[in-house]
Amino acid sequence: MKKKLLFVLAVGITVLFSSCGKVPQEEIDGANAAIEVAKSVGANVYVSEDFAALQDSMRSVNENVEVQNANFFKNFDQIKAQLVVVNTMAVDVKAKAEARKEEVKLEIESLQTEVDSIVMQNKELTTQAPKGKEGVAALEAIKGDISLIEASLIDVAGLVAQDQLIAALDKVKAAKEKALAINTELNDVIAKYAKNKRK
């Protein structure tokens, strides 16, 4: 009877520790997969700080797994709870990345429209600019710059098509800056010419 009781206790303890003491590999794989899904939508680019925090949380899980593996009596309950948090974070980071991506697309579209409009103004201003000796050479240089801006906008469209939105955003911002500089220069020259003409 005593032997039977000891056997039942031994089996019970073994079952108890084996249920707590097994690495939750399936949950770990699931969390890693969720992180990869977040990365696949560009979380590491569009919400880099959130993505870094997500990776840190997973790193902490892996470190805790190593600690438990070194113990004689292993308990992975806390790690399972951490993995639930990591999975929730991964879903949240993915959603944030997708939202930010849409914001960037809209920003690019808006800037492209602005640059197109400034380029049209600049072309019109080149027809009003003075055409004196120095003016002709300066206007040719400005027209060359306008052509480069238009080429840059074609590049932006290509980058957007390739889903390289950050590069596209940087390029369209630079194009706007250049177009505005030309606009200011042309307006200044025209105003100065008109003023001198009135004298």
Protein backbone atom coordinates (compact mmCIF):
# COMPACT_ATOMS: atom_id res chain seq x y z
CA MET A 1 0.00 0.00 0.00
CA LYS A 2 2.83 2.36 0.98
CA LYS A 3 4.73 1.50 -2.22
CA LYS A 4 1.60 2.10 -4.28
CA LEU A 5 1.08 5.50 -2.61
CA LEU A 6 4.72 6.48 -3.20
CA PHE A 7 4.44 5.43 -6.83
CA VAL A 8 1.29 7.53 -7.33
CA LEU A 9 3.01 10.51 -5.66
CA ALA A 10 6.11 10.05 -7.82
CA VAL A 11 3.99 9.91 -10.98
CA GLY A 12 2.03 12.97 -9.86
CA ILE A 13 5.19 14.97 -9.16
CA THR A 14 6.69 13.90 -12.49
CA VAL A 15 3.54 14.97 -14.36
CA LEU A 16 3.47 18.27 -12.42
CA PHE A 17 7.07 19.14 -13.19
CA SER A 18 6.94 17.91 -16.78
CA SER A 19 3.92 20.13 -17.46
CA CYS A 20 5.74 23.15 -16.02
CA GLY A 21 9.17 22.09 -17.14
CA LYS A 22 8.76 21.85 -20.91
CA VAL A 23 10.02 24.67 -23.15
CA PRO A 24 6.94 26.26 -24.79
CA GLN A 25 8.51 25.89 -28.24
CA GLU A 26 5.23 26.21 -30.11
CA GLU A 27 4.50 29.55 -28.41
CA ILE A 28 8.09 30.73 -29.01
CA ASP A 29 7.81 29.85 -32.71
CA GLY A 30 4.47 31.65 -32.87
CA ALA A 31 5.93 34.81 -31.30
CA ASN A 32 8.92 34.74 -33.68
CA ALA A 33 6.54 34.32 -36.63
CA ALA A 34 4.44 37.28 -35.42
CA ILE A 35 7.60 39.42 -35.23
CA GLU A 36 8.53 38.40 -38.78
CA VAL A 37 5.03 39.36 -39.99
CA ALA A 38 5.46 42.81 -38.39
CA LYS A 39 8.87 43.14 -40.06
CA SER A 40 7.43 42.07 -43.44
CA VAL A 41 5.15 45.14 -43.47
CA GLY A 42 8.14 47.38 -42.69
CA ALA A 43 7.75 47.81 -38.91
CA ASN A 44 11.55 48.03 -38.58
CA VAL A 45 11.47 51.03 -40.96
CA TYR A 46 8.19 52.86 -40.24
CA VAL A 47 7.94 52.34 -36.46
CA SER A 48 11.55 51.47 -35.66
CA GLU A 49 11.35 52.31 -31.92
CA ASP A 50 8.27 50.11 -31.38
CA PHE A 51 9.89 47.32 -33.38
CA ALA A 52 13.09 47.58 -31.31
CA ALA A 53 11.00 47.32 -28.10
CA LEU A 54 9.30 44.23 -29.54
CA GLN A 55 12.67 42.63 -30.30
CA ASP A 56 13.89 43.48 -26.78
CA SER A 57 10.84 41.74 -25.29
CA MET A 58 11.56 38.61 -27.34
CA ARG A 59 15.23 38.76 -26.34
CA SER A 60 14.11 38.81 -22.70
CA VAL A 61 11.97 35.70 -23.32
CA ASN A 62 14.95 33.86 -24.83
CA GLU A 63 17.17 34.85 -21.89
CA ASN A 64 14.54 33.60 -19.43
CA VAL A 65 14.29 30.31 -21.33
CA GLU A 66 18.05 29.85 -20.91
CA VAL A 67 17.77 30.58 -17.18
CA GLN A 68 14.97 28.02 -16.76
CA ASN A 69 16.83 25.43 -18.82
CA ALA A 70 19.72 25.72 -16.37
CA ASN A 71 17.42 25.00 -13.40
CA PHE A 72 16.79 21.48 -12.12
CA PHE A 73 13.10 22.22 -11.56
CA LYS A 74 12.01 24.15 -14.63
CA ASN A 75 8.97 26.41 -14.69
CA PHE A 76 8.02 28.15 -17.91
CA ASP A 77 4.74 29.72 -16.72
CA GLN A 78 6.21 33.24 -16.54
CA ILE A 79 7.73 32.78 -20.00
CA LYS A 80 4.36 31.72 -21.41
CA ALA A 81 2.84 34.90 -19.97
CA GLN A 82 5.68 36.94 -21.55
CA LEU A 83 5.00 35.28 -24.90
CA VAL A 84 1.34 36.35 -24.75
CA VAL A 85 2.57 39.95 -24.28
CA VAL A 86 5.06 39.61 -27.17
CA ASN A 87 2.32 38.33 -29.50
CA THR A 88 0.02 41.20 -28.54
CA MET A 89 2.87 43.69 -29.08
CA ALA A 90 3.67 42.17 -32.49
CA VAL A 91 0.06 42.60 -33.66
CA ASP A 92 0.05 46.19 -32.37
CA VAL A 93 3.42 47.04 -33.99
CA LYS A 94 2.24 45.57 -37.32
CA ALA A 95 -0.93 47.72 -37.22
CA LYS A 96 1.10 50.85 -36.35
CA ALA A 97 3.54 50.15 -39.20
CA GLU A 98 0.71 49.75 -41.72
CA ALA A 99 -0.91 52.99 -40.52
CA ARG A 100 2.40 54.90 -40.72
CA LYS A 101 3.02 53.49 -44.19
CA GLU A 102 -0.32 54.88 -45.37
CA GLU A 103 0.54 58.27 -43.81
CA VAL A 104 3.86 58.32 -45.68
CA LYS A 105 2.11 57.43 -48.98
CA LEU A 106 -0.36 60.29 -48.51
CA GLU A 107 2.47 62.68 -47.60
CA ILE A 108 4.36 61.71 -50.78
CA GLU A 109 1.23 62.20 -52.92
CA SER A 110 0.59 65.61 -51.37
CA LEU A 111 4.21 66.71 -51.90
CA GLN A 112 4.19 65.46 -55.50
CA THR A 113 1.13 67.62 -56.19
CA GLU A 114 2.82 70.63 -54.53
CA VAL A 115 6.03 70.16 -56.52
CA ASP A 116 4.08 69.78 -59.78
CA SER A 117 2.30 73.05 -59.04
CA ILE A 118 5.56 74.90 -58.19
CA VAL A 119 7.22 73.53 -61.34
CA MET A 120 4.30 74.86 -63.43
CA GLN A 121 4.68 78.27 -61.74
CA ASN A 122 8.43 78.22 -62.34
CA LYS A 123 7.95 77.47 -66.04
CA GLU A 124 5.54 80.38 -66.30
CA LEU A 125 7.98 82.65 -64.41
CA THR A 126 10.81 81.78 -66.83
CA THR A 127 8.73 83.37 -69.60
CA GLN A 128 8.43 86.60 -67.56
CA ALA A 129 12.07 86.76 -66.50
CA PRO A 130 14.37 89.35 -68.14
CA LYS A 131 16.31 88.08 -71.14
CA GLY A 132 19.37 90.33 -71.05
CA LYS A 133 22.95 89.13 -71.72
CA GLU A 134 23.36 87.37 -68.37
CA GLY A 135 19.65 86.55 -68.13
CA VAL A 136 19.65 84.08 -71.04
CA ALA A 137 22.43 81.93 -69.55
CA ALA A 138 20.83 82.07 -66.07
CA LEU A 139 17.44 81.08 -67.49
CA GLU A 140 18.94 78.13 -69.35
CA ALA A 141 20.51 76.93 -66.08
CA ILE A 142 17.17 77.34 -64.28
CA LYS A 143 15.35 75.43 -67.04
CA GLY A 144 17.92 72.66 -66.65
CA ASP A 145 17.22 72.56 -62.90
CA ILE A 146 13.46 72.40 -63.57
CA SER A 147 14.05 69.42 -65.87
CA LEU A 148 16.05 67.70 -63.12
CA ILE A 149 13.16 68.25 -60.68
CA GLU A 150 10.72 66.70 -63.17
CA ALA A 151 13.07 63.72 -63.60
CA SER A 152 13.27 63.47 -59.82
CA LEU A 153 9.45 63.21 -59.62
CA ILE A 154 9.58 60.28 -62.07
CA ASP A 155 12.13 58.63 -59.77
CA VAL A 156 9.80 59.23 -56.80
CA ALA A 157 6.96 57.43 -58.60
CA GLY A 158 9.33 54.51 -59.31
CA LEU A 159 10.40 54.29 -55.67
CA VAL A 160 6.76 54.29 -54.53
CA ALA A 161 6.02 51.46 -56.98
CA GLN A 162 8.92 49.49 -55.44
CA ASP A 163 7.53 50.19 -51.93
CA GLN A 164 10.63 52.22 -51.00
CA LEU A 165 8.54 54.91 -49.39
CA ILE A 166 11.13 56.51 -47.09
CA ALA A 167 13.55 57.00 -50.00
CA ALA A 168 10.66 58.39 -52.09
CA LEU A 169 9.68 60.79 -49.30
CA ASP A 170 13.26 62.07 -48.94
CA LYS A 171 13.56 62.58 -52.71
CA VAL A 172 10.25 64.44 -53.08
CA LYS A 173 11.12 66.69 -50.10
CA ALA A 174 14.45 67.56 -51.77
CA ALA A 175 12.61 68.26 -55.06
CA LYS A 176 10.20 70.61 -53.27
CA GLU A 177 13.10 72.45 -51.60
CA LYS A 178 14.83 72.93 -54.97
CA ALA A 179 11.61 74.00 -56.72
CA LEU A 180 10.89 76.58 -54.00
CA ALA A 181 14.45 77.94 -54.24
CA ILE A 182 14.02 78.42 -58.01
CA ASN A 183 10.62 80.03 -57.42
CA THR A 184 12.10 82.53 -54.96
CA GLU A 185 15.02 83.29 -57.29
CA LEU A 186 12.76 83.93 -60.30
CA ASN A 187 10.32 86.09 -58.31
CA ASP A 188 13.22 88.16 -56.95
CA VAL A 189 14.74 88.69 -60.43
CA ILE A 190 11.36 89.63 -61.95
CA ALA A 191 10.57 92.05 -59.08
CA LYS A 192 14.02 93.65 -59.35
CA TYR A 193 13.67 94.00 -63.14
CA ALA A 194 10.19 95.57 -62.79
CA LYS A 195 11.49 98.00 -60.17
CA ASN A 196 14.42 99.08 -62.36
CA LYS A 197 12.09 99.48 -65.33
CA ARG A 198 9.90 101.91 -63.38
CA LYS A 199 12.87 104.15 -62.53
